[in-house]
Amino acid sequence: MADPASKETDAAATQMPPVVVKKYANRRLYNTESSSYITLENLADMVRGGRDFVVYDAKTGDDITRGVLTQIIVEGRVRATTCCPRTSCAS
C-alpha cells in the first residue's frame, strides 16, 4: 500500500517552478527558462496551458505579473471584438 506522505512528495516533485519573465523598458518580454523573447500571446498560451509564471520589471525587479495578466485580458477582449464586429455577426 502506498504511503500518503510519499504521494505528497511525488506531487511536489512533478510541479515545475514558475517561469521567470523579465519585462524591459522597450516592452519586450524575456523568458529566462527558454532564453528567448516572447509575446503576450505566448504568455496567454501559458495561462491556458496551466503553466505558472511571474513577470518582473527588468530594471527595478518589481513583480508586475498582475499588470501583465490584466493586459492579456484587455487585449484578448479587444481582439475578440475587432475580429467579429456585431454588424457582421448578425444575420
N, C-alpha and C. Protein backbone atom coordinates (compact mmCIF):
# COMPACT_ATOMS: atom_id res chain seq x y z
N MET A 1 0.85 -1.18 0.00
CA MET A 1 0.00 0.00 0.00
C MET A 1 0.89 1.23 0.00
N ALA A 2 0.54 2.27 -0.79
CA ALA A 2 1.35 3.47 -0.91
C ALA A 2 1.20 4.34 0.32
N ASP A 3 2.31 4.94 0.70
CA ASP A 3 2.34 5.84 1.84
C ASP A 3 1.80 7.20 1.41
N PRO A 4 0.80 7.78 2.13
CA PRO A 4 0.24 9.08 1.74
C PRO A 4 1.29 10.18 1.70
N ALA A 5 2.28 10.11 2.57
CA ALA A 5 3.32 11.14 2.59
C ALA A 5 4.14 11.10 1.31
N SER A 6 4.35 9.90 0.75
CA SER A 6 5.14 9.80 -0.47
C SER A 6 4.37 10.38 -1.66
N LYS A 7 3.02 10.32 -1.63
CA LYS A 7 2.22 10.91 -2.70
C LYS A 7 2.40 12.42 -2.72
N GLU A 8 2.44 13.05 -1.54
CA GLU A 8 2.64 14.48 -1.47
C GLU A 8 4.01 14.85 -2.01
N THR A 9 5.02 14.07 -1.69
CA THR A 9 6.37 14.33 -2.16
C THR A 9 6.44 14.19 -3.68
N ASP A 10 5.77 13.17 -4.22
CA ASP A 10 5.75 12.96 -5.66
C ASP A 10 5.06 14.12 -6.37
N ALA A 11 3.95 14.60 -5.81
CA ALA A 11 3.22 15.72 -6.41
C ALA A 11 4.07 16.98 -6.41
N ALA A 12 4.78 17.22 -5.33
CA ALA A 12 5.63 18.41 -5.24
C ALA A 12 6.80 18.32 -6.22
N ALA A 13 7.31 17.12 -6.42
CA ALA A 13 8.44 16.94 -7.33
C ALA A 13 8.03 17.13 -8.78
N THR A 14 6.79 16.80 -9.13
CA THR A 14 6.35 16.93 -10.51
C THR A 14 5.92 18.36 -10.85
N GLN A 15 5.64 19.18 -9.84
CA GLN A 15 5.30 20.57 -10.10
C GLN A 15 6.55 21.31 -10.52
N MET A 16 6.40 22.09 -11.59
CA MET A 16 7.53 22.86 -12.08
C MET A 16 7.50 24.24 -11.44
N PRO A 17 8.67 24.81 -11.19
CA PRO A 17 8.68 26.17 -10.65
C PRO A 17 8.16 27.14 -11.71
N PRO A 18 7.64 28.28 -11.29
CA PRO A 18 7.11 29.22 -12.28
C PRO A 18 8.21 29.74 -13.20
N VAL A 19 7.83 29.99 -14.43
CA VAL A 19 8.75 30.57 -15.40
C VAL A 19 8.96 32.03 -15.02
N VAL A 20 10.20 32.46 -15.01
CA VAL A 20 10.51 33.86 -14.71
C VAL A 20 10.62 34.61 -16.03
N VAL A 21 9.81 35.67 -16.14
CA VAL A 21 9.81 36.50 -17.34
C VAL A 21 10.21 37.90 -16.92
N LYS A 22 11.10 38.51 -17.68
CA LYS A 22 11.53 39.88 -17.41
C LYS A 22 10.96 40.79 -18.48
N LYS A 23 10.40 41.92 -18.02
CA LYS A 23 9.85 42.89 -18.96
C LYS A 23 10.79 44.10 -18.99
N TYR A 24 11.27 44.40 -20.18
CA TYR A 24 12.21 45.50 -20.35
C TYR A 24 11.49 46.80 -20.71
N ALA A 25 12.22 47.91 -20.60
CA ALA A 25 11.65 49.24 -20.85
C ALA A 25 11.08 49.35 -22.26
N ASN A 26 11.65 48.61 -23.21
CA ASN A 26 11.16 48.66 -24.60
C ASN A 26 9.94 47.75 -24.78
N ARG A 27 9.35 47.30 -23.68
CA ARG A 27 8.14 46.47 -23.63
C ARG A 27 8.37 45.04 -24.10
N ARG A 28 9.60 44.64 -24.27
CA ARG A 28 9.87 43.26 -24.67
C ARG A 28 9.86 42.37 -23.45
N LEU A 29 9.38 41.16 -23.64
CA LEU A 29 9.29 40.16 -22.58
C LEU A 29 10.33 39.08 -22.83
N TYR A 30 11.13 38.76 -21.80
CA TYR A 30 12.19 37.77 -21.96
C TYR A 30 11.93 36.59 -21.03
N ASN A 31 11.78 35.41 -21.62
CA ASN A 31 11.56 34.17 -20.88
C ASN A 31 12.92 33.64 -20.47
N THR A 32 13.21 33.64 -19.17
CA THR A 32 14.52 33.20 -18.70
C THR A 32 14.68 31.68 -18.77
N GLU A 33 13.57 30.95 -18.84
CA GLU A 33 13.65 29.50 -18.93
C GLU A 33 14.11 29.05 -20.32
N SER A 34 13.54 29.68 -21.35
CA SER A 34 13.89 29.31 -22.73
C SER A 34 14.96 30.23 -23.32
N SER A 35 15.34 31.26 -22.57
CA SER A 35 16.32 32.25 -23.03
C SER A 35 15.93 32.85 -24.39
N SER A 36 14.66 33.29 -24.44
CA SER A 36 14.17 33.87 -25.68
C SER A 36 13.13 34.94 -25.38
N TYR A 37 12.96 35.84 -26.35
CA TYR A 37 11.91 36.85 -26.23
C TYR A 37 10.58 36.22 -26.60
N ILE A 38 9.53 36.64 -25.88
CA ILE A 38 8.20 36.09 -26.10
C ILE A 38 7.20 37.24 -26.22
N THR A 39 5.98 36.90 -26.56
CA THR A 39 4.93 37.89 -26.73
C THR A 39 3.86 37.69 -25.64
N LEU A 40 2.95 38.64 -25.57
CA LEU A 40 1.81 38.49 -24.66
C LEU A 40 1.00 37.27 -25.03
N GLU A 41 0.92 36.98 -26.32
CA GLU A 41 0.17 35.79 -26.77
C GLU A 41 0.83 34.52 -26.24
N ASN A 42 2.16 34.49 -26.18
CA ASN A 42 2.85 33.33 -25.61
C ASN A 42 2.49 33.18 -24.13
N LEU A 43 2.42 34.31 -23.41
CA LEU A 43 2.04 34.25 -22.00
C LEU A 43 0.59 33.79 -21.86
N ALA A 44 -0.28 34.26 -22.75
CA ALA A 44 -1.68 33.82 -22.72
C ALA A 44 -1.77 32.31 -22.94
N ASP A 45 -0.95 31.79 -23.84
CA ASP A 45 -0.92 30.33 -24.07
C ASP A 45 -0.45 29.60 -22.81
N MET A 46 0.50 30.19 -22.09
CA MET A 46 0.97 29.58 -20.85
C MET A 46 -0.14 29.53 -19.82
N VAL A 47 -0.93 30.60 -19.74
CA VAL A 47 -2.07 30.64 -18.82
C VAL A 47 -3.06 29.55 -19.19
N ARG A 48 -3.40 29.46 -20.46
CA ARG A 48 -4.35 28.45 -20.93
C ARG A 48 -3.84 27.04 -20.66
N GLY A 49 -2.53 26.86 -20.73
CA GLY A 49 -1.93 25.56 -20.51
C GLY A 49 -1.69 25.23 -19.04
N GLY A 50 -2.00 26.18 -18.15
CA GLY A 50 -1.84 25.94 -16.72
C GLY A 50 -0.41 26.11 -16.23
N ARG A 51 0.44 26.75 -17.02
CA ARG A 51 1.84 26.95 -16.63
C ARG A 51 1.95 28.23 -15.83
N ASP A 52 2.54 28.14 -14.66
CA ASP A 52 2.72 29.32 -13.81
C ASP A 52 3.91 30.14 -14.30
N PHE A 53 3.78 31.45 -14.15
CA PHE A 53 4.90 32.34 -14.45
C PHE A 53 4.80 33.58 -13.59
N VAL A 54 5.91 34.26 -13.46
CA VAL A 54 5.95 35.56 -12.79
C VAL A 54 6.68 36.51 -13.72
N VAL A 55 6.25 37.77 -13.71
CA VAL A 55 6.86 38.78 -14.57
C VAL A 55 7.47 39.86 -13.67
N TYR A 56 8.74 40.12 -13.89
CA TYR A 56 9.45 41.14 -13.13
C TYR A 56 9.89 42.25 -14.07
N ASP A 57 9.84 43.47 -13.56
CA ASP A 57 10.40 44.60 -14.28
C ASP A 57 11.92 44.42 -14.26
N ALA A 58 12.53 44.42 -15.43
CA ALA A 58 13.95 44.12 -15.52
C ALA A 58 14.82 45.18 -14.82
N LYS A 59 14.36 46.41 -14.78
CA LYS A 59 15.16 47.49 -14.18
C LYS A 59 15.01 47.54 -12.66
N THR A 60 13.77 47.47 -12.18
CA THR A 60 13.53 47.64 -10.75
C THR A 60 13.41 46.32 -9.99
N GLY A 61 13.08 45.25 -10.70
CA GLY A 61 12.88 43.96 -10.04
C GLY A 61 11.50 43.81 -9.43
N ASP A 62 10.63 44.79 -9.65
CA ASP A 62 9.26 44.73 -9.11
C ASP A 62 8.47 43.61 -9.79
N ASP A 63 7.60 42.97 -9.03
CA ASP A 63 6.72 41.94 -9.56
C ASP A 63 5.56 42.65 -10.26
N ILE A 64 5.47 42.52 -11.57
CA ILE A 64 4.43 43.19 -12.35
C ILE A 64 3.49 42.18 -13.02
N THR A 65 3.42 40.99 -12.45
CA THR A 65 2.61 39.92 -13.03
C THR A 65 1.15 40.33 -13.17
N ARG A 66 0.58 40.94 -12.16
CA ARG A 66 -0.85 41.32 -12.22
C ARG A 66 -1.12 42.27 -13.37
N GLY A 67 -0.26 43.25 -13.54
CA GLY A 67 -0.45 44.20 -14.63
C GLY A 67 -0.37 43.54 -16.00
N VAL A 68 0.55 42.60 -16.15
CA VAL A 68 0.69 41.89 -17.42
C VAL A 68 -0.52 40.99 -17.67
N LEU A 69 -1.02 40.33 -16.63
CA LEU A 69 -2.21 39.50 -16.79
C LEU A 69 -3.42 40.36 -17.18
N THR A 70 -3.53 41.52 -16.59
CA THR A 70 -4.60 42.45 -16.94
C THR A 70 -4.49 42.85 -18.40
N GLN A 71 -3.27 43.13 -18.85
CA GLN A 71 -3.04 43.50 -20.24
C GLN A 71 -3.44 42.36 -21.18
N ILE A 72 -3.15 41.13 -20.81
CA ILE A 72 -3.53 39.97 -21.62
C ILE A 72 -5.06 39.90 -21.75
N ILE A 73 -5.76 40.11 -20.64
CA ILE A 73 -7.22 40.07 -20.65
C ILE A 73 -7.79 41.16 -21.53
N VAL A 74 -7.30 42.39 -21.36
CA VAL A 74 -7.82 43.53 -22.12
C VAL A 74 -7.55 43.34 -23.61
N GLU A 75 -6.34 42.95 -23.97
CA GLU A 75 -6.02 42.77 -25.38
C GLU A 75 -6.80 41.60 -25.98
N GLY A 76 -7.08 40.59 -25.20
CA GLY A 76 -7.89 39.47 -25.68
C GLY A 76 -9.30 39.91 -25.98
N ARG A 77 -9.85 40.78 -25.15
CA ARG A 77 -11.21 41.29 -25.38
C ARG A 77 -11.24 42.21 -26.59
N VAL A 78 -10.22 43.04 -26.73
CA VAL A 78 -10.16 43.94 -27.88
C VAL A 78 -10.06 43.12 -29.16
N ARG A 79 -9.22 42.11 -29.15
CA ARG A 79 -9.05 41.25 -30.33
C ARG A 79 -10.36 40.53 -30.67
N ALA A 80 -11.08 40.11 -29.65
CA ALA A 80 -12.35 39.40 -29.88
C ALA A 80 -13.40 40.32 -30.48
N THR A 81 -13.43 41.57 -30.05
CA THR A 81 -14.45 42.49 -30.57
C THR A 81 -14.08 43.00 -31.95
N THR A 82 -12.80 43.16 -32.25
CA THR A 82 -12.42 43.64 -33.57
C THR A 82 -12.41 42.52 -34.60
N CYS A 83 -12.32 41.29 -34.13
CA CYS A 83 -12.30 40.14 -35.02
C CYS A 83 -13.66 39.93 -35.67
N CYS A 84 -14.69 40.14 -34.90
CA CYS A 84 -16.04 39.87 -35.39
C CYS A 84 -16.97 40.99 -34.95
N PRO A 85 -17.01 42.07 -35.71
CA PRO A 85 -17.90 43.16 -35.33
C PRO A 85 -19.35 42.70 -35.27
N ARG A 86 -20.12 43.31 -34.41
CA ARG A 86 -21.51 42.92 -34.21
C ARG A 86 -22.32 42.97 -35.50
N THR A 87 -22.05 43.93 -36.35
CA THR A 87 -22.85 44.06 -37.57
C THR A 87 -22.62 42.91 -38.52
N SER A 88 -21.41 42.35 -38.52
CA SER A 88 -21.15 41.24 -39.44
C SER A 88 -21.63 39.90 -38.88
N CYS A 89 -21.81 39.82 -37.57
CA CYS A 89 -22.27 38.58 -36.95
C CYS A 89 -23.79 38.43 -37.04
N ALA A 90 -24.48 39.54 -37.12
CA ALA A 90 -25.94 39.48 -37.16
C ALA A 90 -26.39 39.01 -38.55
N SER A 91 -27.34 38.13 -38.56
CA SER A 91 -27.84 37.62 -39.85
C SER A 91 -29.25 38.10 -40.10
